[in-house]
Amino acid sequence: MPTRPGGQGAARRIDRDGIAATEAVIRPHVRHTPVVELDGRDFGLPPCSLVLKLESLQHSGSFKARGAFANLLGRSIPLAGVVAASGGNHGAAVAYAAQRLGLRARIFVPRISSPAKIQRIRDYGADLVVVGERYADALAASEEWTAHSGALPVHAFDQLETLLGQGTIGLELAAQAPALDTLVVAVGGGGLIGGIAAWYAGATRVVGVEPAAAPTLTAALRAAGPVDAPTGGIAADSLAPRRVGTLMFPIAQAHVDRVVLVSDADIRGAQEALWATVRVVAEPGGAAALAGLLGRGYMPQAGERVGVLVSGGNTAGVTFAPSM
């Protein structure tokens, strides 16, 4: 397998120009995901406009496909291929992108990764290794493999190309739903909110939502830098790395208005509300942004126009009652 040259329009700054250049590179490979505009009263909120951005309909089932293609198209790939550590969604995205581009991929996931995500990775033909209890364990194992094999590591959130790829959601959403007052985004390692906040750069209020059991960005903002935080909760396979990335942190300091914490019950309630109200299936991490509203962590004002990123749908699905 020949080395694949990188640098196909890849930019070196996490800003609007860099995101736009990255979007041009990955556009043939990612979906233009839809938005659904609703009345906040449908969810028991004040009469505001809710704009759901359905990245759960992206290739591989989450927004992560954007960052995966940004890495695989923008960097030089060695003969050994690529390696990634993941709670599940990033691994599925890297496996999918590697399959589409004819590259080798080895993916390390922890045992908490959901069966649906593990199956996706297998279906995309990657070499899958399940190791350890948490993302940090899978990351350590992937780093050992990198040193042994020479494969290119594709970091889930703390990599320039990853943030640029995730930032293309902001570019896309700004065209679909201009004049948003607020955009609510789930936070794990911070690649998603970092890329999006870099695109909006203060033009729209960006609010982060993270599980109370995994308050990575909250802890970092209090400490004025990334620090270790707890890694629990029902969304631990997507929103519970040990700490946020160093690349996203200054972006968050500059352009994230606030971060709110949600309980597991809030997240479950948001999953149920998405299905009951608009028949959208979301995994726990994918529903966390809406949980920030339904749990009253961020309360929209009457007449406010609020974007909500539904970021992932890799779950076993919905249990239906038997038809009569």
C-alpha atoms as a PDB file:
ATOM      1  CA  MET A   1       0.000   0.000   0.000  1.00  0.00           C
ATOM      2  CA  PRO A   2       1.663   3.271  -1.028  1.00  0.00           C
ATOM      3  CA  THR A   3       2.075   6.228   1.251  1.00  0.00           C
ATOM      4  CA  ARG A   4      -0.763   8.671   0.697  1.00  0.00           C
ATOM      5  CA  PRO A   5       0.422  12.286   0.508  1.00  0.00           C
ATOM      6  CA  GLY A   6      -1.255  14.749   2.813  1.00  0.00           C
ATOM      7  CA  GLY A   7      -1.724  18.474   2.584  1.00  0.00           C
ATOM      8  CA  GLN A   8      -4.674  18.426   0.171  1.00  0.00           C
ATOM      9  CA  GLY A   9      -5.813  21.907   1.067  1.00  0.00           C
ATOM     10  CA  ALA A  10      -5.200  21.283   4.775  1.00  0.00           C
ATOM     11  CA  ALA A  11      -4.810  24.520   6.723  1.00  0.00           C
ATOM     12  CA  ARG A  12      -2.737  25.052   9.850  1.00  0.00           C
ATOM     13  CA  ARG A  13      -4.932  27.445  11.830  1.00  0.00           C
ATOM     14  CA  ILE A  14      -8.157  26.680  13.671  1.00  0.00           C
ATOM     15  CA  ASP A  15     -10.145  29.617  12.362  1.00  0.00           C
ATOM     16  CA  ARG A  16     -12.727  30.352   9.668  1.00  0.00           C
ATOM     17  CA  ASP A  17     -10.215  30.225   6.833  1.00  0.00           C
ATOM     18  CA  GLY A  18      -8.825  26.919   8.045  1.00  0.00           C
ATOM     19  CA  ILE A  19     -12.282  25.432   8.500  1.00  0.00           C
ATOM     20  CA  ALA A  20     -13.418  26.592   5.064  1.00  0.00           C
ATOM     21  CA  ALA A  21     -10.299  25.081   3.445  1.00  0.00           C
ATOM     22  CA  THR A  22     -10.909  21.806   5.272  1.00  0.00           C
ATOM     23  CA  GLU A  23     -14.562  21.766   4.268  1.00  0.00           C
ATOM     24  CA  ALA A  24     -13.563  21.938   0.605  1.00  0.00           C
ATOM     25  CA  VAL A  25     -11.338  18.872   1.064  1.00  0.00           C
ATOM     26  CA  ILE A  26     -13.817  16.675   2.946  1.00  0.00           C
ATOM     27  CA  ARG A  27     -17.028  17.779   1.199  1.00  0.00           C
ATOM     28  CA  PRO A  28     -17.090  14.873  -1.310  1.00  0.00           C
ATOM     29  CA  HIS A  29     -16.878  12.419   1.583  1.00  0.00           C
ATOM     30  CA  VAL A  30     -19.333  13.708   4.212  1.00  0.00           C
ATOM     31  CA  ARG A  31     -23.058  14.303   4.274  1.00  0.00           C
ATOM     32  CA  HIS A  32     -24.708  17.692   4.355  1.00  0.00           C
ATOM     33  CA  THR A  33     -26.836  16.820   7.380  1.00  0.00           C
ATOM     34  CA  PRO A  34     -30.344  18.291   7.743  1.00  0.00           C
ATOM     35  CA  VAL A  35     -31.854  20.669  10.266  1.00  0.00           C
ATOM     36  CA  VAL A  36     -35.328  20.520  11.770  1.00  0.00           C
ATOM     37  CA  GLU A  37     -36.900  23.697  13.165  1.00  0.00           C
ATOM     38  CA  LEU A  38     -39.370  23.315  16.015  1.00  0.00           C
ATOM     39  CA  ASP A  39     -41.254  25.389  18.556  1.00  0.00           C
ATOM     40  CA  GLY A  40     -39.651  25.168  21.978  1.00  0.00           C
ATOM     41  CA  ARG A  41     -43.115  24.548  23.427  1.00  0.00           C
ATOM     42  CA  ASP A  42     -42.991  21.093  21.791  1.00  0.00           C
ATOM     43  CA  PHE A  43     -40.433  20.249  24.505  1.00  0.00           C
ATOM     44  CA  GLY A  44     -42.058  22.173  27.337  1.00  0.00           C
ATOM     45  CA  LEU A  45     -39.794  25.195  26.878  1.00  0.00           C
ATOM     46  CA  PRO A  46     -40.752  28.859  26.390  1.00  0.00           C
ATOM     47  CA  PRO A  47     -42.008  29.862  22.910  1.00  0.00           C
ATOM     48  CA  CYS A  48     -38.644  29.941  21.171  1.00  0.00           C
ATOM     49  CA  SER A  49     -37.276  28.497  17.947  1.00  0.00           C
ATOM     50  CA  LEU A  50     -35.261  25.282  18.294  1.00  0.00           C
ATOM     51  CA  VAL A  51     -33.104  24.287  15.323  1.00  0.00           C
ATOM     52  CA  LEU A  52     -31.936  20.675  15.612  1.00  0.00           C
ATOM     53  CA  LYS A  53     -28.807  19.915  13.576  1.00  0.00           C
ATOM     54  CA  LEU A  54     -28.957  16.155  12.952  1.00  0.00           C
ATOM     55  CA  GLU A  55     -25.352  15.004  12.837  1.00  0.00           C
ATOM     56  CA  SER A  56     -26.704  11.663  14.008  1.00  0.00           C
ATOM     57  CA  LEU A  57     -27.450  11.138  10.300  1.00  0.00           C
ATOM     58  CA  GLN A  58     -23.804  11.609   9.309  1.00  0.00           C
ATOM     59  CA  HIS A  59     -21.729   8.735   7.877  1.00  0.00           C
ATOM     60  CA  SER A  60     -20.755   6.319  10.684  1.00  0.00           C
ATOM     61  CA  GLY A  61     -23.566   7.698  12.847  1.00  0.00           C
ATOM     62  CA  SER A  62     -21.953  10.822  14.277  1.00  0.00           C
ATOM     63  CA  PHE A  63     -20.185  14.100  13.526  1.00  0.00           C
ATOM     64  CA  LYS A  64     -16.857  12.317  13.958  1.00  0.00           C
ATOM     65  CA  ALA A  65     -16.691  11.416  10.268  1.00  0.00           C
ATOM     66  CA  ARG A  66     -15.766  15.034   9.526  1.00  0.00           C
ATOM     67  CA  GLY A  67     -12.646  14.977  11.676  1.00  0.00           C
ATOM     68  CA  ALA A  68     -11.714  11.503  10.478  1.00  0.00           C
ATOM     69  CA  PHE A  69     -11.717  12.510   6.813  1.00  0.00           C
ATOM     70  CA  ALA A  70      -9.896  15.758   7.628  1.00  0.00           C
ATOM     71  CA  ASN A  71      -7.092  13.687   9.139  1.00  0.00           C
ATOM     72  CA  LEU A  72      -6.896  10.973   6.496  1.00  0.00           C
ATOM     73  CA  LEU A  73      -7.035  13.427   3.588  1.00  0.00           C
ATOM     74  CA  GLY A  74      -4.873  16.131   5.140  1.00  0.00           C
ATOM     75  CA  ARG A  75      -1.950  14.133   6.526  1.00  0.00           C
ATOM     76  CA  SER A  76       0.615  11.731   5.083  1.00  0.00           C
ATOM     77  CA  ILE A  77      -0.424   8.144   5.790  1.00  0.00           C
ATOM     78  CA  PRO A  78       2.365   5.568   6.308  1.00  0.00           C
ATOM     79  CA  LEU A  79       2.313   2.018   4.989  1.00  0.00           C
ATOM     80  CA  ALA A  80       1.167   0.825   8.431  1.00  0.00           C
ATOM     81  CA  GLY A  81      -2.028   2.859   8.070  1.00  0.00           C
ATOM     82  CA  VAL A  82      -3.762   4.668  10.918  1.00  0.00           C
ATOM     83  CA  VAL A  83      -4.535   3.960  14.545  1.00  0.00           C
ATOM     84  CA  ALA A  84      -7.154   5.525  16.788  1.00  0.00           C
ATOM     85  CA  ALA A  85      -8.361   5.253  20.371  1.00  0.00           C
ATOM     86  CA  SER A  86     -12.023   5.885  20.923  1.00  0.00           C
ATOM     87  CA  GLY A  87     -15.031   5.434  23.139  1.00  0.00           C
ATOM     88  CA  GLY A  88     -16.696   4.230  19.947  1.00  0.00           C
ATOM     89  CA  ASN A  89     -17.846   7.017  17.623  1.00  0.00           C
ATOM     90  CA  HIS A  90     -14.396   8.275  16.638  1.00  0.00           C
ATOM     91  CA  GLY A  91     -13.277   4.715  16.066  1.00  0.00           C
ATOM     92  CA  ALA A  92     -16.257   4.025  13.827  1.00  0.00           C
ATOM     93  CA  ALA A  93     -15.585   7.228  11.904  1.00  0.00           C
ATOM     94  CA  VAL A  94     -11.883   6.470  11.370  1.00  0.00           C
ATOM     95  CA  ALA A  95     -12.724   2.902  10.368  1.00  0.00           C
ATOM     96  CA  TYR A  96     -15.313   4.162   7.878  1.00  0.00           C
ATOM     97  CA  ALA A  97     -12.998   6.785   6.391  1.00  0.00           C
ATOM     98  CA  ALA A  98     -10.152   4.283   6.129  1.00  0.00           C
ATOM     99  CA  GLN A  99     -12.408   1.781   4.373  1.00  0.00           C
ATOM    100  CA  ARG A 100     -13.565   4.398   1.873  1.00  0.00           C
ATOM    101  CA  LEU A 101     -10.008   5.535   1.170  1.00  0.00           C
ATOM    102  CA  GLY A 102      -8.454   2.054   1.028  1.00  0.00           C
ATOM    103  CA  LEU A 103      -6.309   2.435   4.141  1.00  0.00           C
ATOM    104  CA  ARG A 104      -5.484   0.127   7.015  1.00  0.00           C
ATOM    105  CA  ALA A 105      -6.922   1.012  10.406  1.00  0.00           C
ATOM    106  CA  ARG A 106      -6.525  -0.398  13.904  1.00  0.00           C
ATOM    107  CA  ILE A 107      -9.035   0.884  16.493  1.00  0.00           C
ATOM    108  CA  PHE A 108      -8.701   0.573  20.275  1.00  0.00           C
ATOM    109  CA  VAL A 109     -11.861   0.919  22.379  1.00  0.00           C
ATOM    110  CA  PRO A 110     -12.548   0.328  26.088  1.00  0.00           C
ATOM    111  CA  ARG A 111     -14.977  -2.246  27.393  1.00  0.00           C
ATOM    112  CA  ILE A 112     -17.568   0.455  28.143  1.00  0.00           C
ATOM    113  CA  SER A 113     -17.998   1.092  24.401  1.00  0.00           C
ATOM    114  CA  SER A 114     -21.530   0.193  23.380  1.00  0.00           C
ATOM    115  CA  PRO A 115     -22.182  -2.981  21.368  1.00  0.00           C
ATOM    116  CA  ALA A 116     -23.667  -0.854  18.571  1.00  0.00           C
ATOM    117  CA  LYS A 117     -20.433   1.108  18.187  1.00  0.00           C
ATOM    118  CA  ILE A 118     -18.227  -1.964  18.399  1.00  0.00           C
ATOM    119  CA  GLN A 119     -20.291  -3.621  15.682  1.00  0.00           C
ATOM    120  CA  ARG A 120     -19.981  -0.563  13.436  1.00  0.00           C
ATOM    121  CA  ILE A 121     -16.208  -0.651  13.708  1.00  0.00           C
ATOM    122  CA  ARG A 122     -16.167  -4.337  12.839  1.00  0.00           C
ATOM    123  CA  ASP A 123     -18.527  -3.792   9.922  1.00  0.00           C
ATOM    124  CA  TYR A 124     -16.159  -1.210   8.445  1.00  0.00           C
ATOM    125  CA  GLY A 125     -13.352  -3.769   8.375  1.00  0.00           C
ATOM    126  CA  ALA A 126     -10.942  -2.232  10.878  1.00  0.00           C
ATOM    127  CA  ASP A 127      -8.732  -4.280  13.167  1.00  0.00           C
ATOM    128  CA  LEU A 128     -10.565  -3.848  16.487  1.00  0.00           C
ATOM    129  CA  VAL A 129      -8.959  -4.181  19.921  1.00  0.00           C
ATOM    130  CA  VAL A 130     -11.114  -3.955  23.065  1.00  0.00           C
ATOM    131  CA  VAL A 131      -8.924  -3.085  26.042  1.00  0.00           C
ATOM    132  CA  GLY A 132      -9.315  -1.524  29.490  1.00  0.00           C
ATOM    133  CA  GLU A 133     -12.281   0.071  31.175  1.00  0.00           C
ATOM    134  CA  ARG A 134     -12.149   3.688  29.963  1.00  0.00           C
ATOM    135  CA  TYR A 135     -11.025   5.801  27.030  1.00  0.00           C
ATOM    136  CA  ALA A 136      -7.713   6.573  28.738  1.00  0.00           C
ATOM    137  CA  ASP A 137      -6.881   2.855  28.752  1.00  0.00           C
ATOM    138  CA  ALA A 138      -7.613   2.532  25.040  1.00  0.00           C
ATOM    139  CA  LEU A 139      -5.525   5.638  24.350  1.00  0.00           C
ATOM    140  CA  ALA A 140      -2.524   4.213  26.213  1.00  0.00           C
ATOM    141  CA  ALA A 141      -2.803   0.948  24.285  1.00  0.00           C
ATOM    142  CA  SER A 142      -3.042   2.815  20.984  1.00  0.00           C
ATOM    143  CA  GLU A 143       0.085   4.801  21.808  1.00  0.00           C
ATOM    144  CA  GLU A 144       1.972   1.562  22.433  1.00  0.00           C
ATOM    145  CA  TRP A 145       0.802   0.257  19.053  1.00  0.00           C
ATOM    146  CA  THR A 146       1.868   3.494  17.354  1.00  0.00           C
ATOM    147  CA  ALA A 147       5.385   3.170  18.755  1.00  0.00           C
ATOM    148  CA  HIS A 148       5.558  -0.472  17.672  1.00  0.00           C
ATOM    149  CA  SER A 149       3.965  -0.243  14.216  1.00  0.00           C
ATOM    150  CA  GLY A 150       4.658   3.235  12.882  1.00  0.00           C
ATOM    151  CA  ALA A 151       0.956   3.771  12.162  1.00  0.00           C
ATOM    152  CA  LEU A 152      -0.334   7.347  12.129  1.00  0.00           C
ATOM    153  CA  PRO A 153      -2.319   8.217  15.287  1.00  0.00           C
ATOM    154  CA  VAL A 154      -5.623   9.993  14.659  1.00  0.00           C
ATOM    155  CA  HIS A 155      -6.608  11.642  17.911  1.00  0.00           C
ATOM    156  CA  ALA A 156     -10.285  11.845  18.777  1.00  0.00           C
ATOM    157  CA  PHE A 157     -10.186  15.514  19.794  1.00  0.00           C
ATOM    158  CA  ASP A 158      -6.710  16.961  20.409  1.00  0.00           C
ATOM    159  CA  GLN A 159      -5.475  17.145  16.820  1.00  0.00           C
ATOM    160  CA  LEU A 160      -5.486  20.155  14.496  1.00  0.00           C
ATOM    161  CA  GLU A 161      -7.222  18.368  11.619  1.00  0.00           C
ATOM    162  CA  THR A 162      -9.820  16.904  13.978  1.00  0.00           C
ATOM    163  CA  LEU A 163     -10.896  20.336  15.202  1.00  0.00           C
ATOM    164  CA  LEU A 164     -10.925  21.745  11.668  1.00  0.00           C
ATOM    165  CA  GLY A 165     -13.114  18.882  10.500  1.00  0.00           C
ATOM    166  CA  GLN A 166     -15.597  19.260  13.351  1.00  0.00           C
ATOM    167  CA  GLY A 167     -15.636  23.013  12.752  1.00  0.00           C
ATOM    168  CA  THR A 168     -17.201  22.437   9.340  1.00  0.00           C
ATOM    169  CA  ILE A 169     -20.482  21.843  11.193  1.00  0.00           C
ATOM    170  CA  GLY A 170     -20.449  25.521  12.103  1.00  0.00           C
ATOM    171  CA  LEU A 171     -19.869  26.543   8.493  1.00  0.00           C
ATOM    172  CA  GLU A 172     -22.707  24.302   7.329  1.00  0.00           C
ATOM    173  CA  LEU A 173     -25.153  25.288  10.058  1.00  0.00           C
ATOM    174  CA  ALA A 174     -24.518  29.006   9.577  1.00  0.00           C
ATOM    175  CA  ALA A 175     -25.810  28.657   6.007  1.00  0.00           C
ATOM    176  CA  GLN A 176     -28.777  26.473   6.976  1.00  0.00           C
ATOM    177  CA  ALA A 177     -29.868  28.477  10.014  1.00  0.00           C
ATOM    178  CA  PRO A 178     -28.504  32.000   9.944  1.00  0.00           C
ATOM    179  CA  ALA A 179     -28.954  34.396  12.845  1.00  0.00           C
ATOM    180  CA  LEU A 180     -28.897  31.846  15.642  1.00  0.00           C
ATOM    181  CA  ASP A 181     -28.790  33.550  19.019  1.00  0.00           C
ATOM    182  CA  THR A 182     -27.359  30.505  20.783  1.00  0.00           C
ATOM    183  CA  LEU A 183     -25.903  27.134  19.819  1.00  0.00           C
ATOM    184  CA  VAL A 184     -25.866  24.330  22.389  1.00  0.00           C
ATOM    185  CA  VAL A 185     -23.159  21.667  21.979  1.00  0.00           C
ATOM    186  CA  ALA A 186     -22.185  18.581  23.994  1.00  0.00           C
ATOM    187  CA  VAL A 187     -18.653  18.414  25.388  1.00  0.00           C
ATOM    188  CA  GLY A 188     -16.387  15.397  25.810  1.00  0.00           C
ATOM    189  CA  GLY A 189     -12.769  16.006  24.866  1.00  0.00           C
ATOM    190  CA  GLY A 190     -13.772  19.297  23.288  1.00  0.00           C
ATOM    191  CA  GLY A 191     -12.951  18.759  19.614  1.00  0.00           C
ATOM    192  CA  LEU A 192     -16.541  19.397  18.581  1.00  0.00           C
ATOM    193  CA  ILE A 193     -17.215  22.523  20.609  1.00  0.00           C
ATOM    194  CA  GLY A 194     -13.700  23.808  19.918  1.00  0.00           C
ATOM    195  CA  GLY A 195     -14.110  23.565  16.157  1.00  0.00           C
ATOM    196  CA  ILE A 196     -17.610  25.051  16.205  1.00  0.00           C
ATOM    197  CA  ALA A 197     -16.659  27.885  18.559  1.00  0.00           C
ATOM    198  CA  ALA A 198     -13.695  28.692  16.307  1.00  0.00           C
ATOM    199  CA  TRP A 199     -16.077  29.063  13.373  1.00  0.00           C
ATOM    200  CA  TYR A 200     -18.597  31.308  15.145  1.00  0.00           C
ATOM    201  CA  ALA A 201     -15.838  33.220  17.001  1.00  0.00           C
ATOM    202  CA  GLY A 202     -18.289  35.033  19.256  1.00  0.00           C
ATOM    203  CA  ALA A 203     -20.850  35.870  16.559  1.00  0.00           C
ATOM    204  CA  THR A 204     -23.254  33.362  18.153  1.00  0.00           C
ATOM    205  CA  ARG A 205     -23.419  32.426  21.821  1.00  0.00           C
ATOM    206  CA  VAL A 206     -21.981  28.900  22.223  1.00  0.00           C
ATOM    207  CA  VAL A 207     -23.050  26.944  25.294  1.00  0.00           C
ATOM    208  CA  GLY A 208     -21.382  23.689  26.269  1.00  0.00           C
ATOM    209  CA  VAL A 209     -23.185  20.806  27.934  1.00  0.00           C
ATOM    210  CA  GLU A 210     -21.401  18.006  29.725  1.00  0.00           C
ATOM    211  CA  PRO A 211     -22.410  15.249  32.125  1.00  0.00           C
ATOM    212  CA  ALA A 212     -22.091  16.087  35.801  1.00  0.00           C
ATOM    213  CA  ALA A 213     -20.316  12.734  36.094  1.00  0.00           C
ATOM    214  CA  ALA A 214     -17.656  13.807  33.543  1.00  0.00           C
ATOM    215  CA  PRO A 215     -17.129  17.594  33.900  1.00  0.00           C
ATOM    216  CA  THR A 216     -13.955  17.883  31.840  1.00  0.00           C
ATOM    217  CA  LEU A 217     -14.334  21.416  30.460  1.00  0.00           C
ATOM    218  CA  THR A 218     -15.885  22.711  33.665  1.00  0.00           C
ATOM    219  CA  ALA A 219     -12.844  21.482  35.590  1.00  0.00           C
ATOM    220  CA  ALA A 220     -10.456  22.930  33.006  1.00  0.00           C
ATOM    221  CA  LEU A 221     -12.066  26.363  33.083  1.00  0.00           C
ATOM    222  CA  ARG A 222     -11.904  26.425  36.868  1.00  0.00           C
ATOM    223  CA  ALA A 223      -8.230  25.403  36.825  1.00  0.00           C
ATOM    224  CA  ALA A 224      -7.315  27.691  33.884  1.00  0.00           C
ATOM    225  CA  GLY A 225      -6.077  24.666  31.947  1.00  0.00           C
ATOM    226  CA  PRO A 226      -6.879  21.025  31.150  1.00  0.00           C
ATOM    227  CA  VAL A 227      -6.884  18.834  34.268  1.00  0.00           C
ATOM    228  CA  ASP A 228      -8.036  15.316  35.047  1.00  0.00           C
ATOM    229  CA  ALA A 229     -11.731  14.981  35.834  1.00  0.00           C
ATOM    230  CA  PRO A 230     -14.103  12.116  36.705  1.00  0.00           C
ATOM    231  CA  THR A 231     -15.098   9.845  33.806  1.00  0.00           C
ATOM    232  CA  GLY A 232     -18.494   8.415  34.703  1.00  0.00           C
ATOM    233  CA  GLY A 233     -22.110   8.564  33.613  1.00  0.00           C
ATOM    234  CA  ILE A 234     -24.308   6.962  30.970  1.00  0.00           C
ATOM    235  CA  ALA A 235     -22.562   8.891  28.184  1.00  0.00           C
ATOM    236  CA  ALA A 236     -19.081   7.759  29.257  1.00  0.00           C
ATOM    237  CA  ASP A 237     -18.404   6.058  25.931  1.00  0.00           C
ATOM    238  CA  SER A 238     -18.580   9.422  24.140  1.00  0.00           C
ATOM    239  CA  LEU A 239     -18.346  12.257  26.680  1.00  0.00           C
ATOM    240  CA  ALA A 240     -15.849  11.089  29.301  1.00  0.00           C
ATOM    241  CA  PRO A 241     -12.172  11.372  28.407  1.00  0.00           C
ATOM    242  CA  ARG A 242      -9.911  12.125  31.343  1.00  0.00           C
ATOM    243  CA  ARG A 243      -9.397  15.761  30.288  1.00  0.00           C
ATOM    244  CA  VAL A 244     -10.163  18.185  27.459  1.00  0.00           C
ATOM    245  CA  GLY A 245      -7.659  18.796  24.684  1.00  0.00           C
ATOM    246  CA  THR A 246      -4.966  21.440  24.863  1.00  0.00           C
ATOM    247  CA  LEU A 247      -5.773  22.764  21.375  1.00  0.00           C
ATOM    248  CA  MET A 248      -9.427  23.475  22.117  1.00  0.00           C
ATOM    249  CA  PHE A 249      -8.921  25.024  25.539  1.00  0.00           C
ATOM    250  CA  PRO A 250      -7.905  28.570  24.493  1.00  0.00           C
ATOM    251  CA  ILE A 251     -10.754  28.550  21.963  1.00  0.00           C
ATOM    252  CA  ALA A 252     -13.189  27.631  24.727  1.00  0.00           C
ATOM    253  CA  GLN A 253     -11.807  30.345  26.974  1.00  0.00           C
ATOM    254  CA  ALA A 254     -12.310  32.923  24.233  1.00  0.00           C
ATOM    255  CA  HIS A 255     -15.548  31.823  22.595  1.00  0.00           C
ATOM    256  CA  VAL A 256     -17.601  29.464  24.794  1.00  0.00           C
ATOM    257  CA  ASP A 257     -20.093  31.529  26.769  1.00  0.00           C
ATOM    258  CA  ARG A 258     -20.694  28.964  29.520  1.00  0.00           C
ATOM    259  CA  VAL A 259     -20.800  25.259  30.301  1.00  0.00           C
ATOM    260  CA  VAL A 260     -23.752  23.612  32.027  1.00  0.00           C
ATOM    261  CA  LEU A 261     -23.853  20.209  33.692  1.00  0.00           C
ATOM    262  CA  VAL A 262     -26.579  17.614  33.221  1.00  0.00           C
ATOM    263  CA  SER A 263     -27.517  14.468  35.098  1.00  0.00           C
ATOM    264  CA  ASP A 264     -27.925  10.991  33.649  1.00  0.00           C
ATOM    265  CA  ALA A 265     -31.666  11.416  34.176  1.00  0.00           C
ATOM    266  CA  ASP A 266     -31.596  14.644  32.117  1.00  0.00           C
ATOM    267  CA  ILE A 267     -29.835  12.813  29.292  1.00  0.00           C
ATOM    268  CA  ARG A 268     -32.279   9.918  29.347  1.00  0.00           C
ATOM    269  CA  GLY A 269     -35.143  12.392  29.325  1.00  0.00           C
ATOM    270  CA  ALA A 270     -33.688  14.146  26.286  1.00  0.00           C
ATOM    271  CA  GLN A 271     -33.326  10.838  24.440  1.00  0.00           C
ATOM    272  CA  GLU A 272     -36.951  10.020  25.175  1.00  0.00           C
ATOM    273  CA  ALA A 273     -38.122  13.521  24.197  1.00  0.00           C
ATOM    274  CA  LEU A 274     -36.305  13.397  20.846  1.00  0.00           C
ATOM    275  CA  TRP A 275     -38.001  10.128  20.022  1.00  0.00           C
ATOM    276  CA  ALA A 276     -41.455  11.057  21.321  1.00  0.00           C
ATOM    277  CA  THR A 277     -41.507  14.498  19.708  1.00  0.00           C
ATOM    278  CA  VAL A 278     -39.683  14.154  16.386  1.00  0.00           C
ATOM    279  CA  ARG A 279     -38.908  10.425  16.069  1.00  0.00           C
ATOM    280  CA  VAL A 280     -35.160  11.062  16.199  1.00  0.00           C
ATOM    281  CA  VAL A 281     -33.022   8.329  17.768  1.00  0.00           C
ATOM    282  CA  ALA A 282     -29.990   9.608  19.671  1.00  0.00           C
ATOM    283  CA  GLU A 283     -27.418   7.907  21.839  1.00  0.00           C
ATOM    284  CA  PRO A 284     -26.852   9.393  25.320  1.00  0.00           C
ATOM    285  CA  GLY A 285     -23.972  11.615  24.213  1.00  0.00           C
ATOM    286  CA  GLY A 286     -25.922  12.639  21.125  1.00  0.00           C
ATOM    287  CA  ALA A 287     -28.846  13.850  23.243  1.00  0.00           C
ATOM    288  CA  ALA A 288     -26.748  15.673  25.851  1.00  0.00           C
ATOM    289  CA  ALA A 289     -27.053  19.102  24.204  1.00  0.00           C
ATOM    290  CA  LEU A 290     -30.855  18.955  24.343  1.00  0.00           C
ATOM    291  CA  ALA A 291     -30.584  17.748  27.939  1.00  0.00           C
ATOM    292  CA  GLY A 292     -28.937  21.074  28.718  1.00  0.00           C
ATOM    293  CA  LEU A 293     -32.203  22.780  27.810  1.00  0.00           C
ATOM    294  CA  LEU A 294     -34.685  20.260  29.171  1.00  0.00           C
ATOM    295  CA  GLY A 295     -32.752  20.026  32.444  1.00  0.00           C
ATOM    296  CA  ARG A 296     -32.934  23.842  32.680  1.00  0.00           C
ATOM    297  CA  GLY A 297     -29.168  24.283  32.698  1.00  0.00           C
ATOM    298  CA  TYR A 298     -29.677  26.796  29.901  1.00  0.00           C
ATOM    299  CA  MET A 299     -33.153  28.302  29.682  1.00  0.00           C
ATOM    300  CA  PRO A 300     -33.978  29.976  26.352  1.00  0.00           C
ATOM    301  CA  GLN A 301     -35.771  33.297  26.423  1.00  0.00           C
ATOM    302  CA  ALA A 302     -39.106  33.753  24.701  1.00  0.00           C
ATOM    303  CA  GLY A 303     -38.408  34.402  21.014  1.00  0.00           C
ATOM    304  CA  GLU A 304     -34.804  33.201  21.160  1.00  0.00           C
ATOM    305  CA  ARG A 305     -33.449  31.184  18.223  1.00  0.00           C
ATOM    306  CA  VAL A 306     -31.458  28.257  19.606  1.00  0.00           C
ATOM    307  CA  GLY A 307     -29.469  25.657  17.687  1.00  0.00           C
ATOM    308  CA  VAL A 308     -29.132  22.208  19.261  1.00  0.00           C
ATOM    309  CA  LEU A 309     -26.565  19.755  17.939  1.00  0.00           C
ATOM    310  CA  VAL A 310     -27.802  16.154  17.970  1.00  0.00           C
ATOM    311  CA  SER A 311     -24.339  14.755  17.606  1.00  0.00           C
ATOM    312  CA  GLY A 312     -24.665  10.966  17.471  1.00  0.00           C
ATOM    313  CA  GLY A 313     -27.103   8.132  16.902  1.00  0.00           C
ATOM    314  CA  ASN A 314     -25.034   4.994  17.501  1.00  0.00           C
ATOM    315  CA  THR A 315     -27.323   3.120  19.808  1.00  0.00           C
ATOM    316  CA  ALA A 316     -29.130  -0.191  19.716  1.00  0.00           C
ATOM    317  CA  GLY A 317     -32.268   1.726  18.752  1.00  0.00           C
ATOM    318  CA  VAL A 318     -35.753   2.129  20.132  1.00  0.00           C
ATOM    319  CA  THR A 319     -37.849  -0.602  21.705  1.00  0.00           C
ATOM    320  CA  PHE A 320     -41.285  -0.502  20.123  1.00  0.00           C
ATOM    321  CA  ALA A 321     -44.467  -1.706  21.750  1.00  0.00           C
ATOM    322  CA  PRO A 322     -46.149  -4.549  19.855  1.00  0.00           C
ATOM    323  CA  SER A 323     -48.600  -3.331  17.191  1.00  0.00           C
ATOM    324  CA  MET A 324     -52.270  -4.075  17.762  1.00  0.00           C
END
